[in-house]
Amino acid sequence: MTAITGITGIGANSTSQAAATNGSSDLNFDAILEAFKKAASETPEQRARDAVLKKHDLSEEDYKKLPPKEKEAIDKEIAEAVRKVHERKTGVAIGDSPVPTEKLFG
């Protein structure tokens, strides 16, 4: 019987490649699942804060180390993002909200 040649993906190598792909696929799935669990456990306000930090390529540790002026600018951007989330969520502008602002951000 004649072996089939010239077709990629057939033979012993394809099995080992598939196994290697499945291993990395499992790792990717686990990482994606962990990211989803983290996002699902956060409030929309926390996700808005995380998005602002990510936009500026800052980790939580980097944010804490920022000089006061830079941190203040980031804080204003976070407050604006959280305000927008609150307004979308409730349909009420923060200035019109019966809930004190401290309870929304604190």
Protein backbone atom coordinates (compact mmCIF):
# COMPACT_ATOMS: atom_id res chain seq x y z
CA MET A 1 0.00 0.00 0.00
CA THR A 2 1.33 3.47 -0.87
CA ALA A 3 1.59 6.18 1.80
CA ILE A 4 -0.04 9.53 1.13
CA THR A 5 2.56 12.25 0.82
CA GLY A 6 2.46 15.96 0.11
CA ILE A 7 -0.53 16.69 2.32
CA THR A 8 0.29 18.77 5.35
CA GLY A 9 -1.29 17.89 8.65
CA ILE A 10 -1.29 14.12 8.04
CA GLY A 11 1.02 11.84 9.92
CA ALA A 12 2.68 11.51 13.30
CA ASN A 13 3.61 15.20 13.55
CA SER A 14 -0.01 16.34 13.28
CA THR A 15 -0.95 14.37 16.40
CA SER A 16 1.79 15.95 18.48
CA GLN A 17 0.94 19.40 17.08
CA ALA A 18 -2.71 18.91 18.01
CA ALA A 19 -1.71 17.88 21.53
CA ALA A 20 0.51 20.95 21.88
CA THR A 21 -2.26 23.19 20.58
CA ASN A 22 -4.77 21.69 23.00
CA GLY A 23 -2.41 22.30 25.91
CA SER A 24 -1.98 25.98 25.08
CA SER A 25 -5.69 26.19 24.32
CA ASP A 26 -6.45 24.94 27.83
CA LEU A 27 -4.16 27.61 29.28
CA ASN A 28 -5.83 30.31 27.19
CA PHE A 29 -9.26 29.08 28.25
CA ASP A 30 -8.26 29.14 31.93
CA ALA A 31 -6.90 32.69 31.59
CA ILE A 32 -10.05 33.83 29.81
CA LEU A 33 -12.24 32.13 32.42
CA GLU A 34 -10.34 33.83 35.27
CA ALA A 35 -10.64 37.23 33.56
CA PHE A 36 -14.38 36.65 33.10
CA LYS A 37 -14.85 35.64 36.74
CA LYS A 38 -12.97 38.76 37.87
CA ALA A 39 -15.03 41.03 35.61
CA ALA A 40 -18.28 39.36 36.64
CA SER A 41 -17.53 39.86 40.33
CA GLU A 42 -16.82 43.59 39.91
CA THR A 43 -19.43 46.33 39.94
CA PRO A 44 -19.85 48.41 36.79
CA GLU A 45 -18.18 51.27 38.66
CA GLN A 46 -15.14 49.10 39.44
CA ARG A 47 -14.94 48.01 35.80
CA ALA A 48 -15.06 51.68 34.73
CA ARG A 49 -12.17 52.45 37.08
CA ASP A 50 -10.19 49.47 35.77
CA ALA A 51 -10.84 50.63 32.20
CA VAL A 52 -9.40 54.08 32.93
CA LEU A 53 -6.30 52.57 34.53
CA LYS A 54 -5.89 50.21 31.56
CA LYS A 55 -6.33 53.12 29.13
CA HIS A 56 -3.33 54.77 30.80
CA ASP A 57 -1.45 51.45 30.95
CA LEU A 58 -1.37 51.57 34.76
CA SER A 59 -1.51 48.71 37.22
CA GLU A 60 -2.98 49.33 40.66
CA GLU A 61 0.57 49.50 42.03
CA ASP A 62 1.63 52.00 39.35
CA TYR A 63 -1.43 54.14 40.13
CA LYS A 64 -0.58 54.24 43.83
CA LYS A 65 2.96 55.42 43.00
CA LEU A 66 1.85 58.33 40.80
CA PRO A 67 2.76 61.88 41.83
CA PRO A 68 -0.20 63.74 43.38
CA LYS A 69 -0.94 65.91 40.31
CA GLU A 70 -0.99 62.94 37.92
CA LYS A 71 -3.05 60.89 40.37
CA GLU A 72 -5.54 63.76 40.67
CA ALA A 73 -5.95 63.89 36.87
CA ILE A 74 -6.55 60.13 36.74
CA ASP A 75 -8.99 60.41 39.67
CA LYS A 76 -11.00 63.03 37.78
CA GLU A 77 -11.15 60.76 34.73
CA ILE A 78 -12.22 57.83 36.92
CA ALA A 79 -14.92 59.97 38.56
CA GLU A 80 -16.23 60.97 35.12
CA ALA A 81 -16.29 57.34 33.94
CA VAL A 82 -18.09 56.25 37.11
CA ARG A 83 -20.58 59.12 36.75
CA LYS A 84 -21.41 57.98 33.21
CA VAL A 85 -21.88 54.39 34.38
CA HIS A 86 -24.15 55.55 37.19
CA GLU A 87 -26.24 57.67 34.84
CA ARG A 88 -26.59 54.80 32.35
CA LYS A 89 -27.46 52.38 35.14
CA THR A 90 -30.01 54.55 36.93
CA GLY A 91 -31.10 57.08 34.35
CA VAL A 92 -30.45 59.76 36.98
CA ALA A 93 -27.66 62.32 36.82
CA ILE A 94 -25.47 62.28 39.94
CA GLY A 95 -26.35 65.90 40.71
CA ASP A 96 -30.03 64.87 40.69
CA SER A 97 -29.45 61.68 42.65
CA PRO A 98 -31.08 61.28 46.07
CA VAL A 99 -28.07 59.11 47.06
CA PRO A 100 -25.13 61.10 48.52
CA THR A 101 -22.10 61.10 46.23
CA GLU A 102 -19.92 59.67 49.03
CA LYS A 103 -21.97 56.46 48.96
CA LEU A 104 -21.52 56.13 45.19
CA PHE A 105 -17.74 56.50 45.24
CA GLY A 106 -16.77 55.46 48.73
